[in-house]
């Protein structure tokens, strides 16, 4: 299966303005567990301090079909 990570990310700007957008993590994953681990790392270590993940999810975008021999 091919899994994508997506999140609603809110940014707070100087002066108190804020904006929320849906962002997709650029990498695809083989399993839901890999995706969830990456979302956690994205949230904890990769986002700047003025951004916050409000809502996130891993979405199955397609299933790989193995060729039969």
N, C-alpha and C. Protein backbone atom coordinates (compact mmCIF):
# COMPACT_ATOMS: atom_id res chain seq x y z
N UNK A 1 0.84 -1.18 0.00
CA UNK A 1 0.00 0.00 0.00
C UNK A 1 0.88 1.23 0.00
N UNK A 2 0.38 2.31 -0.52
CA UNK A 2 1.10 3.58 -0.53
C UNK A 2 0.35 4.54 0.39
N UNK A 3 1.07 5.09 1.36
CA UNK A 3 0.46 5.94 2.38
C UNK A 3 1.09 7.32 2.33
N UNK A 4 0.27 8.36 2.45
CA UNK A 4 0.73 9.74 2.50
C UNK A 4 0.35 10.35 3.84
N UNK A 5 1.23 11.22 4.33
CA UNK A 5 0.97 11.95 5.58
C UNK A 5 0.46 13.34 5.25
N UNK A 6 -0.59 13.74 5.93
CA UNK A 6 -1.13 15.09 5.73
C UNK A 6 -1.45 15.69 7.09
N UNK A 7 -1.39 17.02 7.14
CA UNK A 7 -1.64 17.68 8.42
C UNK A 7 -2.21 19.08 8.19
N UNK A 8 -3.05 19.50 9.11
CA UNK A 8 -3.51 20.88 9.15
C UNK A 8 -2.51 21.63 10.02
N UNK A 9 -1.76 22.54 9.40
CA UNK A 9 -0.68 23.25 10.08
C UNK A 9 -1.05 24.72 10.19
N UNK A 10 -1.05 25.23 11.41
CA UNK A 10 -1.34 26.64 11.64
C UNK A 10 -0.05 27.39 11.94
N UNK A 11 0.07 28.56 11.34
CA UNK A 11 1.24 29.42 11.53
C UNK A 11 0.79 30.70 12.20
N UNK A 12 1.54 31.12 13.22
CA UNK A 12 1.27 32.39 13.89
C UNK A 12 2.34 33.38 13.45
N UNK A 13 1.88 34.54 12.97
CA UNK A 13 2.79 35.57 12.49
C UNK A 13 2.96 36.67 13.53
N UNK A 14 4.00 37.47 13.35
CA UNK A 14 4.22 38.62 14.23
C UNK A 14 2.98 39.50 14.17
N UNK A 15 2.52 39.96 15.30
CA UNK A 15 1.31 40.77 15.35
C UNK A 15 0.07 39.97 15.69
N UNK A 16 0.22 38.64 15.80
CA UNK A 16 -0.90 37.81 16.23
C UNK A 16 -1.74 37.23 15.12
N UNK A 17 -1.48 37.57 13.86
CA UNK A 17 -2.23 36.97 12.76
C UNK A 17 -1.86 35.50 12.64
N UNK A 18 -2.80 34.71 12.16
CA UNK A 18 -2.52 33.29 11.96
C UNK A 18 -3.17 32.80 10.68
N UNK A 19 -2.64 31.70 10.17
CA UNK A 19 -3.16 31.10 8.95
C UNK A 19 -2.98 29.60 9.05
N UNK A 20 -4.00 28.85 8.67
CA UNK A 20 -3.94 27.39 8.71
C UNK A 20 -4.09 26.83 7.30
N UNK A 21 -3.21 25.91 6.95
CA UNK A 21 -3.24 25.28 5.63
C UNK A 21 -3.03 23.78 5.78
N UNK A 22 -3.53 23.03 4.81
CA UNK A 22 -3.29 21.59 4.78
C UNK A 22 -1.97 21.35 4.05
N UNK A 23 -1.07 20.62 4.70
CA UNK A 23 0.23 20.31 4.10
C UNK A 23 0.36 18.80 3.97
N UNK A 24 1.00 18.38 2.88
CA UNK A 24 1.29 16.98 2.66
C UNK A 24 2.79 16.77 2.81
N UNK A 25 3.17 15.77 3.60
CA UNK A 25 4.58 15.46 3.74
C UNK A 25 5.05 14.92 2.40
N UNK A 26 6.21 15.35 1.89
CA UNK A 26 6.61 15.00 0.52
C UNK A 26 6.92 13.52 0.27
N UNK A 27 7.19 12.77 1.32
CA UNK A 27 7.56 11.36 1.17
C UNK A 27 6.32 10.47 1.26
N UNK A 28 6.35 9.33 0.56
CA UNK A 28 5.30 8.32 0.72
C UNK A 28 5.85 7.20 1.60
N UNK A 29 4.95 6.41 2.17
CA UNK A 29 5.33 5.37 3.10
C UNK A 29 4.71 4.04 2.70
N UNK A 30 5.31 2.96 3.15
CA UNK A 30 4.83 1.61 2.85
C UNK A 30 3.76 1.15 3.84
N UNK A 31 3.82 1.66 5.09
CA UNK A 31 2.89 1.22 6.12
C UNK A 31 2.33 2.42 6.88
N UNK A 32 1.22 2.19 7.55
CA UNK A 32 0.62 3.23 8.38
C UNK A 32 1.54 3.57 9.56
N UNK A 33 2.22 2.56 10.10
CA UNK A 33 3.11 2.80 11.23
C UNK A 33 4.26 3.73 10.85
N UNK A 34 4.89 3.51 9.69
CA UNK A 34 5.96 4.39 9.23
C UNK A 34 5.44 5.82 9.10
N UNK A 35 4.27 5.96 8.56
CA UNK A 35 3.66 7.28 8.37
C UNK A 35 3.43 7.97 9.71
N UNK A 36 2.86 7.26 10.67
CA UNK A 36 2.59 7.85 11.98
C UNK A 36 3.86 8.25 12.71
N UNK A 37 4.92 7.45 12.57
CA UNK A 37 6.21 7.80 13.18
C UNK A 37 6.73 9.08 12.55
N UNK A 38 6.63 9.19 11.23
CA UNK A 38 7.12 10.39 10.55
C UNK A 38 6.31 11.62 10.95
N UNK A 39 5.01 11.49 11.10
CA UNK A 39 4.18 12.61 11.55
C UNK A 39 4.63 13.09 12.93
N UNK A 40 4.94 12.14 13.81
CA UNK A 40 5.41 12.50 15.15
C UNK A 40 6.73 13.26 15.06
N UNK A 41 7.66 12.75 14.24
CA UNK A 41 8.96 13.42 14.09
C UNK A 41 8.79 14.80 13.45
N UNK A 42 7.91 14.89 12.47
CA UNK A 42 7.63 16.16 11.81
C UNK A 42 7.14 17.17 12.84
N UNK A 43 6.21 16.74 13.67
CA UNK A 43 5.63 17.60 14.70
C UNK A 43 6.68 18.03 15.73
N UNK A 44 7.49 17.09 16.19
CA UNK A 44 8.41 17.36 17.29
C UNK A 44 9.71 18.05 16.87
N UNK A 45 10.24 17.73 15.70
CA UNK A 45 11.60 18.15 15.37
C UNK A 45 11.75 19.00 14.11
N UNK A 46 10.80 18.99 13.20
CA UNK A 46 11.02 19.65 11.92
C UNK A 46 10.26 20.96 11.74
N UNK A 47 9.19 21.16 12.46
CA UNK A 47 8.41 22.39 12.29
C UNK A 47 9.04 23.53 13.06
N UNK A 48 9.03 24.75 12.48
CA UNK A 48 9.49 25.92 13.23
C UNK A 48 8.59 26.18 14.43
N UNK A 49 9.07 26.95 15.36
CA UNK A 49 8.33 27.20 16.60
C UNK A 49 7.01 27.94 16.39
N UNK A 50 6.90 28.68 15.29
CA UNK A 50 5.67 29.44 15.06
C UNK A 50 4.61 28.63 14.30
N UNK A 51 4.89 27.34 14.06
CA UNK A 51 3.92 26.47 13.39
C UNK A 51 3.50 25.36 14.34
N UNK A 52 2.24 24.94 14.22
CA UNK A 52 1.70 23.89 15.07
C UNK A 52 0.80 23.00 14.23
N UNK A 53 0.98 21.69 14.36
CA UNK A 53 0.08 20.74 13.71
C UNK A 53 -1.17 20.63 14.57
N UNK A 54 -2.29 21.00 13.99
CA UNK A 54 -3.55 20.98 14.72
C UNK A 54 -4.23 19.62 14.56
N UNK A 55 -4.13 19.05 13.38
CA UNK A 55 -4.79 17.80 13.06
C UNK A 55 -3.92 17.07 12.04
N UNK A 56 -3.72 15.78 12.20
CA UNK A 56 -2.94 15.04 11.21
C UNK A 56 -3.53 13.67 10.96
N UNK A 57 -3.13 13.08 9.85
CA UNK A 57 -3.64 11.76 9.50
C UNK A 57 -2.75 11.14 8.45
N UNK A 58 -2.77 9.83 8.40
CA UNK A 58 -2.12 9.07 7.33
C UNK A 58 -3.22 8.52 6.44
N UNK A 59 -3.05 8.69 5.15
CA UNK A 59 -4.09 8.33 4.20
C UNK A 59 -3.54 7.32 3.20
N UNK A 60 -4.27 6.22 3.02
CA UNK A 60 -3.89 5.23 2.00
C UNK A 60 -4.30 5.79 0.65
N UNK A 61 -3.31 6.02 -0.21
CA UNK A 61 -3.61 6.59 -1.52
C UNK A 61 -3.84 5.52 -2.58
N UNK A 62 -3.19 4.38 -2.41
CA UNK A 62 -3.43 3.26 -3.33
C UNK A 62 -2.82 2.00 -2.75
N UNK A 63 -3.25 0.89 -3.30
CA UNK A 63 -2.70 -0.41 -2.92
C UNK A 63 -1.82 -0.89 -4.05
N UNK A 64 -0.66 -1.42 -3.70
CA UNK A 64 0.21 -2.01 -4.73
C UNK A 64 -0.32 -3.39 -5.04
N UNK A 65 -0.35 -3.70 -6.31
CA UNK A 65 -0.78 -5.03 -6.73
C UNK A 65 0.47 -5.81 -7.16
N UNK A 66 0.70 -6.90 -6.47
CA UNK A 66 1.87 -7.71 -6.81
C UNK A 66 1.57 -8.53 -8.06
N UNK A 67 2.58 -8.66 -8.90
CA UNK A 67 2.42 -9.47 -10.11
C UNK A 67 2.45 -10.95 -9.72
N UNK A 68 1.56 -11.69 -10.32
CA UNK A 68 1.54 -13.13 -10.09
C UNK A 68 2.49 -13.80 -11.02
N UNK A 69 3.16 -14.83 -10.52
CA UNK A 69 4.11 -15.57 -11.36
C UNK A 69 3.46 -16.78 -11.97
